[in-house]
N, C-alpha and C. Protein backbone atom coordinates (compact mmCIF):
# COMPACT_ATOMS: atom_id res chain seq x y z
N MET A 1 -34.05 37.77 -3.23
CA MET A 1 -33.47 37.31 -2.01
C MET A 1 -33.57 35.80 -1.91
N ALA A 2 -34.72 35.23 -2.27
CA ALA A 2 -34.91 33.78 -2.22
C ALA A 2 -33.94 33.09 -3.16
N GLN A 3 -33.65 33.74 -4.27
CA GLN A 3 -32.74 33.16 -5.24
C GLN A 3 -31.34 33.04 -4.66
N SER A 4 -30.87 34.04 -3.96
CA SER A 4 -29.52 33.99 -3.40
C SER A 4 -29.43 32.94 -2.28
N THR A 5 -30.53 32.75 -1.53
CA THR A 5 -30.55 31.71 -0.49
C THR A 5 -30.45 30.33 -1.13
N THR A 6 -31.17 30.14 -2.24
CA THR A 6 -31.11 28.88 -2.97
C THR A 6 -29.72 28.64 -3.53
N GLU A 7 -29.13 29.68 -4.09
CA GLU A 7 -27.78 29.57 -4.63
C GLU A 7 -26.77 29.26 -3.53
N THR A 8 -26.94 29.88 -2.39
CA THR A 8 -26.05 29.64 -1.26
C THR A 8 -26.17 28.21 -0.78
N GLY A 9 -27.40 27.70 -0.69
CA GLY A 9 -27.63 26.31 -0.28
C GLY A 9 -27.01 25.32 -1.25
N ALA A 10 -27.19 25.59 -2.56
CA ALA A 10 -26.62 24.72 -3.59
C ALA A 10 -25.10 24.76 -3.54
N LYS A 11 -24.55 25.96 -3.30
CA LYS A 11 -23.09 26.11 -3.22
C LYS A 11 -22.54 25.35 -2.02
N SER A 12 -23.21 25.42 -0.89
CA SER A 12 -22.72 24.72 0.30
C SER A 12 -22.83 23.21 0.13
N LYS A 13 -23.87 22.72 -0.58
CA LYS A 13 -23.98 21.29 -0.87
C LYS A 13 -22.83 20.85 -1.77
N LEU A 14 -22.55 21.66 -2.78
CA LEU A 14 -21.46 21.36 -3.70
C LEU A 14 -20.12 21.35 -2.95
N ASP A 15 -19.92 22.32 -2.08
CA ASP A 15 -18.69 22.37 -1.29
C ASP A 15 -18.56 21.15 -0.39
N ALA A 16 -19.68 20.73 0.21
CA ALA A 16 -19.67 19.55 1.08
C ALA A 16 -19.33 18.29 0.29
N GLU A 17 -19.89 18.17 -0.94
CA GLU A 17 -19.59 17.02 -1.79
C GLU A 17 -18.11 17.02 -2.19
N ARG A 18 -17.58 18.18 -2.54
CA ARG A 18 -16.16 18.27 -2.90
C ARG A 18 -15.27 17.89 -1.73
N LYS A 19 -15.64 18.32 -0.54
CA LYS A 19 -14.86 18.00 0.65
C LYS A 19 -14.88 16.49 0.90
N ARG A 20 -16.06 15.88 0.76
CA ARG A 20 -16.17 14.43 0.96
C ARG A 20 -15.35 13.67 -0.08
N ASP A 21 -15.41 14.11 -1.35
CA ASP A 21 -14.62 13.47 -2.40
C ASP A 21 -13.13 13.60 -2.12
N ALA A 22 -12.71 14.76 -1.66
CA ALA A 22 -11.30 14.98 -1.35
C ALA A 22 -10.85 14.08 -0.21
N GLN A 23 -11.71 13.87 0.79
CA GLN A 23 -11.36 13.00 1.90
C GLN A 23 -11.23 11.56 1.45
N GLU A 24 -12.11 11.12 0.54
CA GLU A 24 -12.05 9.76 0.03
C GLU A 24 -10.78 9.54 -0.79
N LEU A 25 -10.35 10.58 -1.51
CA LEU A 25 -9.17 10.45 -2.35
C LEU A 25 -7.88 10.76 -1.59
N ALA A 26 -7.99 11.24 -0.37
CA ALA A 26 -6.80 11.59 0.40
C ALA A 26 -5.96 10.35 0.66
N ALA A 27 -4.64 10.56 0.66
CA ALA A 27 -3.72 9.46 0.90
C ALA A 27 -3.89 8.95 2.33
N PRO A 28 -3.76 7.65 2.51
CA PRO A 28 -3.86 7.09 3.86
C PRO A 28 -2.77 7.66 4.77
N ALA A 29 -3.03 7.66 6.06
CA ALA A 29 -2.12 8.27 7.02
C ALA A 29 -0.86 7.43 7.25
N THR A 30 -0.96 6.12 7.23
CA THR A 30 0.21 5.28 7.52
C THR A 30 0.53 4.38 6.33
N ASP A 31 1.76 3.84 6.35
CA ASP A 31 2.16 2.91 5.30
C ASP A 31 1.29 1.65 5.31
N ALA A 32 0.93 1.20 6.50
CA ALA A 32 0.09 0.00 6.62
C ALA A 32 -1.29 0.24 6.00
N GLU A 33 -1.87 1.42 6.24
CA GLU A 33 -3.17 1.75 5.64
C GLU A 33 -3.05 1.84 4.12
N ARG A 34 -1.97 2.41 3.65
CA ARG A 34 -1.73 2.54 2.21
C ARG A 34 -1.61 1.15 1.58
N ASP A 35 -0.83 0.27 2.21
CA ASP A 35 -0.66 -1.08 1.68
C ASP A 35 -1.97 -1.86 1.69
N GLU A 36 -2.77 -1.68 2.75
CA GLU A 36 -4.06 -2.35 2.83
C GLU A 36 -5.00 -1.85 1.74
N MET A 37 -5.02 -0.55 1.53
CA MET A 37 -5.85 0.04 0.48
C MET A 37 -5.42 -0.49 -0.89
N ALA A 38 -4.11 -0.56 -1.11
CA ALA A 38 -3.58 -1.05 -2.39
C ALA A 38 -3.92 -2.52 -2.60
N THR A 39 -3.82 -3.31 -1.55
CA THR A 39 -4.14 -4.74 -1.65
C THR A 39 -5.61 -4.93 -1.99
N GLN A 40 -6.49 -4.16 -1.36
CA GLN A 40 -7.92 -4.24 -1.66
C GLN A 40 -8.18 -3.85 -3.11
N LEU A 41 -7.47 -2.83 -3.58
CA LEU A 41 -7.61 -2.38 -4.96
C LEU A 41 -7.20 -3.49 -5.92
N VAL A 42 -6.06 -4.13 -5.66
CA VAL A 42 -5.58 -5.20 -6.53
C VAL A 42 -6.57 -6.36 -6.55
N THR A 43 -7.11 -6.70 -5.41
CA THR A 43 -8.10 -7.77 -5.35
C THR A 43 -9.33 -7.42 -6.18
N ARG A 44 -9.80 -6.19 -6.04
CA ARG A 44 -10.98 -5.74 -6.80
C ARG A 44 -10.71 -5.75 -8.31
N PHE A 45 -9.54 -5.24 -8.73
CA PHE A 45 -9.23 -5.20 -10.15
C PHE A 45 -8.96 -6.59 -10.71
N SER A 46 -8.47 -7.51 -9.88
CA SER A 46 -8.29 -8.90 -10.32
C SER A 46 -9.64 -9.53 -10.63
N LYS A 47 -10.62 -9.22 -9.82
CA LYS A 47 -11.98 -9.72 -10.07
C LYS A 47 -12.54 -9.14 -11.38
N TRP A 48 -12.30 -7.86 -11.60
CA TRP A 48 -12.75 -7.23 -12.85
C TRP A 48 -12.06 -7.87 -14.05
N SER A 49 -10.76 -8.18 -13.92
CA SER A 49 -10.04 -8.84 -15.01
C SER A 49 -10.58 -10.23 -15.27
N ALA A 50 -10.89 -10.95 -14.20
CA ALA A 50 -11.48 -12.28 -14.36
C ALA A 50 -12.81 -12.16 -15.11
N ALA A 51 -13.60 -11.17 -14.76
CA ALA A 51 -14.88 -10.96 -15.46
C ALA A 51 -14.65 -10.59 -16.92
N ALA A 52 -13.63 -9.78 -17.19
CA ALA A 52 -13.33 -9.40 -18.57
C ALA A 52 -12.88 -10.62 -19.38
N GLY A 53 -12.28 -11.59 -18.71
CA GLY A 53 -11.90 -12.82 -19.38
C GLY A 53 -13.09 -13.60 -19.91
N LEU A 54 -14.28 -13.30 -19.42
CA LEU A 54 -15.50 -13.97 -19.89
C LEU A 54 -16.08 -13.34 -21.16
N ILE A 55 -15.54 -12.21 -21.58
CA ILE A 55 -16.04 -11.57 -22.81
C ILE A 55 -15.88 -12.57 -23.95
N PRO A 56 -16.96 -12.85 -24.68
CA PRO A 56 -16.93 -13.92 -25.67
C PRO A 56 -16.17 -13.61 -26.97
N LEU A 57 -15.70 -12.41 -27.15
CA LEU A 57 -15.02 -12.04 -28.38
C LEU A 57 -13.50 -12.13 -28.23
N PRO A 58 -12.85 -12.91 -29.11
CA PRO A 58 -11.39 -12.99 -29.04
C PRO A 58 -10.77 -11.61 -29.24
N ILE A 59 -9.68 -11.36 -28.65
CA ILE A 59 -8.91 -10.12 -28.68
C ILE A 59 -9.58 -9.02 -27.86
N VAL A 60 -10.88 -8.88 -27.96
CA VAL A 60 -11.60 -7.86 -27.19
C VAL A 60 -11.39 -8.12 -25.70
N ASP A 61 -11.41 -9.39 -25.32
CA ASP A 61 -11.19 -9.74 -23.92
C ASP A 61 -9.78 -9.33 -23.46
N LEU A 62 -8.79 -9.55 -24.32
CA LEU A 62 -7.41 -9.18 -23.98
C LEU A 62 -7.25 -7.67 -23.86
N VAL A 63 -7.91 -6.94 -24.75
CA VAL A 63 -7.86 -5.47 -24.70
C VAL A 63 -8.53 -4.98 -23.41
N ALA A 64 -9.64 -5.59 -23.05
CA ALA A 64 -10.34 -5.20 -21.82
C ALA A 64 -9.47 -5.47 -20.59
N VAL A 65 -8.83 -6.62 -20.54
CA VAL A 65 -7.96 -6.95 -19.41
C VAL A 65 -6.79 -5.96 -19.34
N GLY A 66 -6.21 -5.64 -20.48
CA GLY A 66 -5.11 -4.66 -20.52
C GLY A 66 -5.56 -3.30 -20.02
N GLY A 67 -6.75 -2.88 -20.40
CA GLY A 67 -7.29 -1.60 -19.92
C GLY A 67 -7.52 -1.61 -18.42
N ILE A 68 -8.01 -2.72 -17.91
CA ILE A 68 -8.22 -2.85 -16.47
C ILE A 68 -6.89 -2.79 -15.73
N GLN A 69 -5.89 -3.47 -16.26
CA GLN A 69 -4.57 -3.44 -15.62
C GLN A 69 -3.96 -2.04 -15.64
N LEU A 70 -4.16 -1.32 -16.73
CA LEU A 70 -3.64 0.05 -16.81
C LEU A 70 -4.35 0.95 -15.79
N GLN A 71 -5.66 0.80 -15.66
CA GLN A 71 -6.40 1.58 -14.67
C GLN A 71 -5.95 1.23 -13.25
N MET A 72 -5.69 -0.06 -13.00
CA MET A 72 -5.20 -0.48 -11.69
C MET A 72 -3.85 0.18 -11.39
N LEU A 73 -2.98 0.20 -12.39
CA LEU A 73 -1.66 0.81 -12.23
C LEU A 73 -1.80 2.31 -11.93
N ARG A 74 -2.72 2.96 -12.62
CA ARG A 74 -2.98 4.39 -12.38
C ARG A 74 -3.42 4.62 -10.94
N ARG A 75 -4.35 3.80 -10.46
CA ARG A 75 -4.86 3.96 -9.10
C ARG A 75 -3.81 3.62 -8.04
N LEU A 76 -2.97 2.62 -8.30
CA LEU A 76 -1.88 2.30 -7.37
C LEU A 76 -0.90 3.47 -7.29
N ALA A 77 -0.62 4.08 -8.45
CA ALA A 77 0.27 5.24 -8.46
C ALA A 77 -0.32 6.37 -7.63
N GLU A 78 -1.63 6.57 -7.70
CA GLU A 78 -2.28 7.60 -6.88
C GLU A 78 -2.14 7.30 -5.39
N ILE A 79 -2.35 6.04 -5.03
CA ILE A 79 -2.26 5.65 -3.62
C ILE A 79 -0.86 5.92 -3.07
N TYR A 80 0.15 5.65 -3.87
CA TYR A 80 1.54 5.82 -3.41
C TYR A 80 2.15 7.16 -3.83
N ASP A 81 1.32 8.07 -4.32
CA ASP A 81 1.77 9.41 -4.73
C ASP A 81 2.92 9.34 -5.74
N VAL A 82 2.77 8.47 -6.72
CA VAL A 82 3.77 8.31 -7.78
C VAL A 82 3.21 8.95 -9.04
N PRO A 83 4.00 9.80 -9.72
CA PRO A 83 3.51 10.40 -10.96
C PRO A 83 3.17 9.32 -11.99
N PHE A 84 2.06 9.51 -12.70
CA PHE A 84 1.60 8.52 -13.67
C PHE A 84 1.47 9.13 -15.04
N SER A 85 1.96 8.43 -16.04
CA SER A 85 1.79 8.80 -17.43
C SER A 85 1.21 7.58 -18.14
N GLU A 86 0.13 7.77 -18.89
CA GLU A 86 -0.52 6.64 -19.54
C GLU A 86 0.44 5.93 -20.49
N ASN A 87 1.20 6.69 -21.27
CA ASN A 87 2.15 6.06 -22.20
C ASN A 87 3.21 5.26 -21.45
N ARG A 88 3.72 5.83 -20.38
CA ARG A 88 4.72 5.12 -19.58
C ARG A 88 4.10 3.90 -18.91
N GLY A 89 2.87 4.03 -18.46
CA GLY A 89 2.16 2.91 -17.85
C GLY A 89 2.00 1.75 -18.82
N LYS A 90 1.62 2.06 -20.06
CA LYS A 90 1.48 1.02 -21.09
C LYS A 90 2.80 0.33 -21.35
N SER A 91 3.86 1.12 -21.45
CA SER A 91 5.16 0.52 -21.75
C SER A 91 5.67 -0.32 -20.58
N VAL A 92 5.42 0.12 -19.35
CA VAL A 92 5.84 -0.65 -18.18
C VAL A 92 5.06 -1.97 -18.11
N LEU A 93 3.75 -1.93 -18.38
CA LEU A 93 2.96 -3.16 -18.38
C LEU A 93 3.44 -4.11 -19.47
N ALA A 94 3.75 -3.57 -20.65
CA ALA A 94 4.25 -4.41 -21.75
C ALA A 94 5.60 -5.03 -21.39
N SER A 95 6.48 -4.26 -20.78
CA SER A 95 7.79 -4.81 -20.42
C SER A 95 7.65 -5.84 -19.30
N LEU A 96 6.70 -5.63 -18.40
CA LEU A 96 6.46 -6.61 -17.34
C LEU A 96 5.91 -7.90 -17.94
N ALA A 97 5.00 -7.79 -18.89
CA ALA A 97 4.47 -8.98 -19.56
C ALA A 97 5.58 -9.71 -20.28
N GLY A 98 6.49 -8.97 -20.91
CA GLY A 98 7.64 -9.59 -21.58
C GLY A 98 8.55 -10.28 -20.59
N SER A 99 8.64 -9.74 -19.41
CA SER A 99 9.48 -10.34 -18.37
C SER A 99 8.83 -11.59 -17.79
N ILE A 100 7.50 -11.62 -17.77
CA ILE A 100 6.79 -12.78 -17.23
C ILE A 100 6.90 -13.98 -18.16
N ILE A 101 7.07 -13.74 -19.47
CA ILE A 101 7.08 -14.84 -20.44
C ILE A 101 8.11 -15.92 -20.07
N PRO A 102 9.39 -15.57 -19.76
CA PRO A 102 10.30 -16.64 -19.38
C PRO A 102 9.92 -17.30 -18.05
N VAL A 103 9.32 -16.54 -17.15
CA VAL A 103 8.97 -17.06 -15.82
C VAL A 103 7.73 -17.93 -15.89
N GLY A 104 6.71 -17.46 -16.56
CA GLY A 104 5.44 -18.18 -16.60
C GLY A 104 4.92 -18.25 -18.02
N ALA A 105 5.70 -18.84 -18.92
CA ALA A 105 5.31 -18.89 -20.33
C ALA A 105 3.96 -19.57 -20.51
N GLY A 106 3.68 -20.56 -19.70
CA GLY A 106 2.42 -21.27 -19.81
C GLY A 106 1.23 -20.35 -19.60
N ALA A 107 1.31 -19.49 -18.59
CA ALA A 107 0.19 -18.59 -18.29
C ALA A 107 0.01 -17.57 -19.40
N VAL A 108 1.11 -17.01 -19.89
CA VAL A 108 1.01 -16.00 -20.95
C VAL A 108 0.50 -16.63 -22.23
N ALA A 109 1.05 -17.80 -22.59
CA ALA A 109 0.61 -18.48 -23.79
C ALA A 109 -0.86 -18.91 -23.66
N ALA A 110 -1.25 -19.33 -22.48
CA ALA A 110 -2.63 -19.76 -22.25
C ALA A 110 -3.60 -18.61 -22.46
N THR A 111 -3.20 -17.40 -22.08
CA THR A 111 -4.09 -16.26 -22.26
C THR A 111 -4.43 -16.05 -23.73
N GLY A 112 -3.41 -16.01 -24.57
CA GLY A 112 -3.63 -15.83 -26.00
C GLY A 112 -4.37 -17.00 -26.61
N LEU A 113 -4.00 -18.21 -26.22
CA LEU A 113 -4.65 -19.40 -26.74
C LEU A 113 -6.11 -19.46 -26.34
N MET A 114 -6.40 -19.18 -25.07
CA MET A 114 -7.79 -19.22 -24.61
C MET A 114 -8.63 -18.15 -25.30
N SER A 115 -8.05 -17.00 -25.53
CA SER A 115 -8.78 -15.95 -26.24
C SER A 115 -9.08 -16.42 -27.66
N ALA A 116 -8.09 -17.00 -28.32
CA ALA A 116 -8.28 -17.48 -29.69
C ALA A 116 -9.28 -18.64 -29.76
N LEU A 117 -9.31 -19.48 -28.73
CA LEU A 117 -10.23 -20.62 -28.71
C LEU A 117 -11.69 -20.19 -28.71
N LYS A 118 -11.95 -18.96 -28.38
CA LYS A 118 -13.34 -18.50 -28.33
C LYS A 118 -14.02 -18.54 -29.69
N VAL A 119 -13.23 -18.64 -30.77
CA VAL A 119 -13.83 -18.73 -32.10
C VAL A 119 -14.31 -20.14 -32.41
N VAL A 120 -13.83 -21.14 -31.66
CA VAL A 120 -14.25 -22.53 -31.87
C VAL A 120 -15.60 -22.71 -31.17
N PRO A 121 -16.61 -23.11 -31.92
CA PRO A 121 -17.94 -23.27 -31.31
C PRO A 121 -17.92 -24.31 -30.19
N ALA A 122 -18.74 -24.10 -29.21
CA ALA A 122 -18.99 -25.00 -28.08
C ALA A 122 -17.76 -25.32 -27.25
N LEU A 123 -16.91 -26.25 -27.68
CA LEU A 123 -15.78 -26.70 -26.89
C LEU A 123 -14.79 -25.57 -26.61
N GLY A 124 -14.48 -24.79 -27.63
CA GLY A 124 -13.55 -23.67 -27.46
C GLY A 124 -14.08 -22.64 -26.49
N MET A 125 -15.35 -22.31 -26.63
CA MET A 125 -15.97 -21.34 -25.72
C MET A 125 -16.01 -21.88 -24.30
N ALA A 126 -16.29 -23.16 -24.15
CA ALA A 126 -16.36 -23.76 -22.81
C ALA A 126 -14.98 -23.73 -22.14
N LEU A 127 -13.95 -24.13 -22.88
CA LEU A 127 -12.58 -24.10 -22.32
C LEU A 127 -12.15 -22.68 -21.97
N ALA A 128 -12.45 -21.75 -22.86
CA ALA A 128 -12.08 -20.35 -22.62
C ALA A 128 -12.84 -19.79 -21.43
N ALA A 129 -14.10 -20.16 -21.29
CA ALA A 129 -14.91 -19.65 -20.17
C ALA A 129 -14.38 -20.12 -18.83
N VAL A 130 -13.75 -21.27 -18.80
CA VAL A 130 -13.20 -21.80 -17.55
C VAL A 130 -11.80 -21.25 -17.29
N THR A 131 -10.98 -21.17 -18.34
CA THR A 131 -9.57 -20.83 -18.18
C THR A 131 -9.27 -19.34 -18.20
N MET A 132 -9.88 -18.63 -19.10
CA MET A 132 -9.55 -17.21 -19.32
C MET A 132 -9.75 -16.36 -18.06
N PRO A 133 -10.84 -16.51 -17.32
CA PRO A 133 -10.99 -15.70 -16.10
C PRO A 133 -9.90 -15.96 -15.07
N VAL A 134 -9.50 -17.22 -14.91
CA VAL A 134 -8.46 -17.56 -13.93
C VAL A 134 -7.12 -16.95 -14.34
N VAL A 135 -6.77 -17.09 -15.62
CA VAL A 135 -5.50 -16.57 -16.11
C VAL A 135 -5.49 -15.04 -16.06
N SER A 136 -6.58 -14.41 -16.49
CA SER A 136 -6.66 -12.94 -16.49
C SER A 136 -6.61 -12.38 -15.08
N GLY A 137 -7.40 -12.95 -14.20
CA GLY A 137 -7.41 -12.50 -12.81
C GLY A 137 -6.07 -12.73 -12.13
N GLY A 138 -5.46 -13.88 -12.39
CA GLY A 138 -4.16 -14.20 -11.79
C GLY A 138 -3.06 -13.28 -12.26
N ALA A 139 -3.04 -12.97 -13.56
CA ALA A 139 -2.02 -12.06 -14.09
C ALA A 139 -2.18 -10.67 -13.50
N THR A 140 -3.40 -10.21 -13.40
CA THR A 140 -3.66 -8.88 -12.83
C THR A 140 -3.25 -8.83 -11.37
N TYR A 141 -3.53 -9.89 -10.64
CA TYR A 141 -3.14 -9.97 -9.24
C TYR A 141 -1.61 -9.89 -9.09
N ALA A 142 -0.90 -10.67 -9.90
CA ALA A 142 0.56 -10.68 -9.83
C ALA A 142 1.14 -9.31 -10.19
N ILE A 143 0.62 -8.69 -11.24
CA ILE A 143 1.08 -7.36 -11.64
C ILE A 143 0.82 -6.35 -10.53
N GLY A 144 -0.36 -6.40 -9.95
CA GLY A 144 -0.68 -5.48 -8.85
C GLY A 144 0.25 -5.64 -7.68
N LYS A 145 0.54 -6.88 -7.30
CA LYS A 145 1.43 -7.13 -6.16
C LYS A 145 2.86 -6.65 -6.45
N VAL A 146 3.30 -6.80 -7.68
CA VAL A 146 4.63 -6.30 -8.07
C VAL A 146 4.69 -4.79 -7.88
N PHE A 147 3.65 -4.10 -8.33
CA PHE A 147 3.68 -2.64 -8.23
C PHE A 147 3.46 -2.14 -6.81
N ILE A 148 2.73 -2.89 -6.01
CA ILE A 148 2.62 -2.51 -4.59
C ILE A 148 4.02 -2.55 -3.97
N GLN A 149 4.73 -3.64 -4.23
CA GLN A 149 6.09 -3.76 -3.67
C GLN A 149 7.00 -2.66 -4.21
N HIS A 150 6.93 -2.41 -5.50
CA HIS A 150 7.80 -1.40 -6.12
C HIS A 150 7.50 0.00 -5.59
N PHE A 151 6.23 0.38 -5.58
CA PHE A 151 5.87 1.72 -5.12
C PHE A 151 6.10 1.88 -3.62
N ALA A 152 5.84 0.83 -2.85
CA ALA A 152 6.03 0.90 -1.39
C ALA A 152 7.51 1.08 -1.04
N SER A 153 8.38 0.60 -1.91
CA SER A 153 9.82 0.74 -1.64
C SER A 153 10.37 2.06 -2.20
N GLY A 154 9.48 2.93 -2.67
CA GLY A 154 9.91 4.24 -3.16
C GLY A 154 10.15 4.31 -4.65
N GLY A 155 9.82 3.25 -5.38
CA GLY A 155 10.03 3.23 -6.83
C GLY A 155 9.00 4.05 -7.58
N THR A 156 9.32 4.35 -8.83
CA THR A 156 8.41 5.06 -9.73
C THR A 156 8.28 4.27 -11.02
N LEU A 157 7.46 4.76 -11.93
CA LEU A 157 7.35 4.11 -13.24
C LEU A 157 8.64 4.27 -14.04
N LEU A 158 9.36 5.34 -13.79
CA LEU A 158 10.59 5.59 -14.54
C LEU A 158 11.73 4.66 -14.16
N ASP A 159 11.76 4.21 -12.91
CA ASP A 159 12.87 3.35 -12.49
C ASP A 159 12.46 1.88 -12.34
N PHE A 160 11.32 1.52 -12.91
CA PHE A 160 10.85 0.14 -12.80
C PHE A 160 11.66 -0.76 -13.73
N ASN A 161 12.21 -1.84 -13.18
CA ASN A 161 12.96 -2.82 -13.95
C ASN A 161 12.34 -4.19 -13.71
N PRO A 162 11.62 -4.73 -14.70
CA PRO A 162 10.93 -6.00 -14.49
C PRO A 162 11.86 -7.13 -14.06
N GLY A 163 13.09 -7.13 -14.52
CA GLY A 163 14.03 -8.18 -14.15
C GLY A 163 14.28 -8.26 -12.65
N ASP A 164 14.17 -7.12 -11.97
CA ASP A 164 14.37 -7.09 -10.52
C ASP A 164 13.29 -7.86 -9.77
N TYR A 165 12.18 -8.11 -10.44
CA TYR A 165 11.03 -8.74 -9.78
C TYR A 165 10.76 -10.15 -10.29
N ARG A 166 11.71 -10.74 -10.99
CA ARG A 166 11.52 -12.06 -11.59
C ARG A 166 11.12 -13.11 -10.54
N GLU A 167 11.86 -13.21 -9.45
CA GLU A 167 11.54 -14.18 -8.40
C GLU A 167 10.22 -13.83 -7.71
N PHE A 168 10.00 -12.55 -7.46
CA PHE A 168 8.75 -12.12 -6.84
C PHE A 168 7.57 -12.49 -7.74
N ILE A 169 7.73 -12.29 -9.05
CA ILE A 169 6.67 -12.62 -10.01
C ILE A 169 6.39 -14.12 -9.97
N LYS A 170 7.45 -14.91 -9.89
CA LYS A 170 7.29 -16.36 -9.85
C LYS A 170 6.43 -16.76 -8.64
N LYS A 171 6.74 -16.18 -7.48
CA LYS A 171 5.97 -16.48 -6.27
C LYS A 171 4.53 -15.98 -6.39
N GLN A 172 4.36 -14.78 -6.91
CA GLN A 172 3.02 -14.20 -7.03
C GLN A 172 2.18 -14.94 -8.05
N THR A 173 2.81 -15.44 -9.11
CA THR A 173 2.08 -16.16 -10.14
C THR A 173 1.49 -17.43 -9.56
N SER A 174 2.25 -18.13 -8.75
CA SER A 174 1.69 -19.35 -8.14
C SER A 174 0.61 -18.98 -7.14
N GLY A 175 0.79 -17.91 -6.38
CA GLY A 175 -0.23 -17.45 -5.44
C GLY A 175 -1.43 -16.85 -6.15
N ALA A 176 -1.17 -16.21 -7.30
CA ALA A 176 -2.25 -15.56 -8.04
C ALA A 176 -3.20 -16.59 -8.63
N GLN A 177 -2.67 -17.71 -9.09
CA GLN A 177 -3.54 -18.74 -9.66
C GLN A 177 -4.48 -19.27 -8.59
N THR A 178 -3.99 -19.41 -7.38
CA THR A 178 -4.84 -19.85 -6.27
C THR A 178 -5.89 -18.78 -5.97
N SER A 179 -5.47 -17.51 -5.89
CA SER A 179 -6.39 -16.41 -5.59
C SER A 179 -7.43 -16.24 -6.69
N ALA A 180 -6.99 -16.35 -7.95
CA ALA A 180 -7.92 -16.15 -9.05
C ALA A 180 -8.95 -17.26 -9.10
N SER A 181 -8.58 -18.47 -8.73
CA SER A 181 -9.58 -19.54 -8.74
C SER A 181 -10.62 -19.34 -7.64
N ASP A 182 -10.28 -18.54 -6.62
CA ASP A 182 -11.23 -18.21 -5.57
C ASP A 182 -12.22 -17.14 -5.99
N LEU A 183 -11.91 -16.41 -7.10
CA LEU A 183 -12.77 -15.32 -7.55
C LEU A 183 -14.05 -15.91 -8.04
């Protein structure tokens, strides 16, 4: 009898934890709450990207930032109830990066250059330590803002066209550099 009481208590604790987790993952009630939640998420992931930019190994830092951006995209899709596929997410991020190159070639080129500079002793590491977090955080911020706008307007990963967001990206890139330097 004592065993069944213990099992019942454990089961009710587990049920309570599941209920709490479900409430935390539940979609916000209004569009404003959803947008606020998404904005907070983008800010948090931008900070993580800036931190990943500090990884002292060339290429590893870029892979880490890409992984963070993919996870951010996955979470934004959850917030806006958009179906997510990892392969599609990777391809959309790659196409968006390709679209950013004509708009902000300096930022994209700086990311690769700063990562590569990490192999140069002292000076290269110092330059990369200052620049890479700002560029990584700024790019993540801009990407997040693009997808907030896209998902909020009813878009999905399947109908995303980076060219449609060229001007928006330009504005976000200048705002993102300011935001990333605040990180």
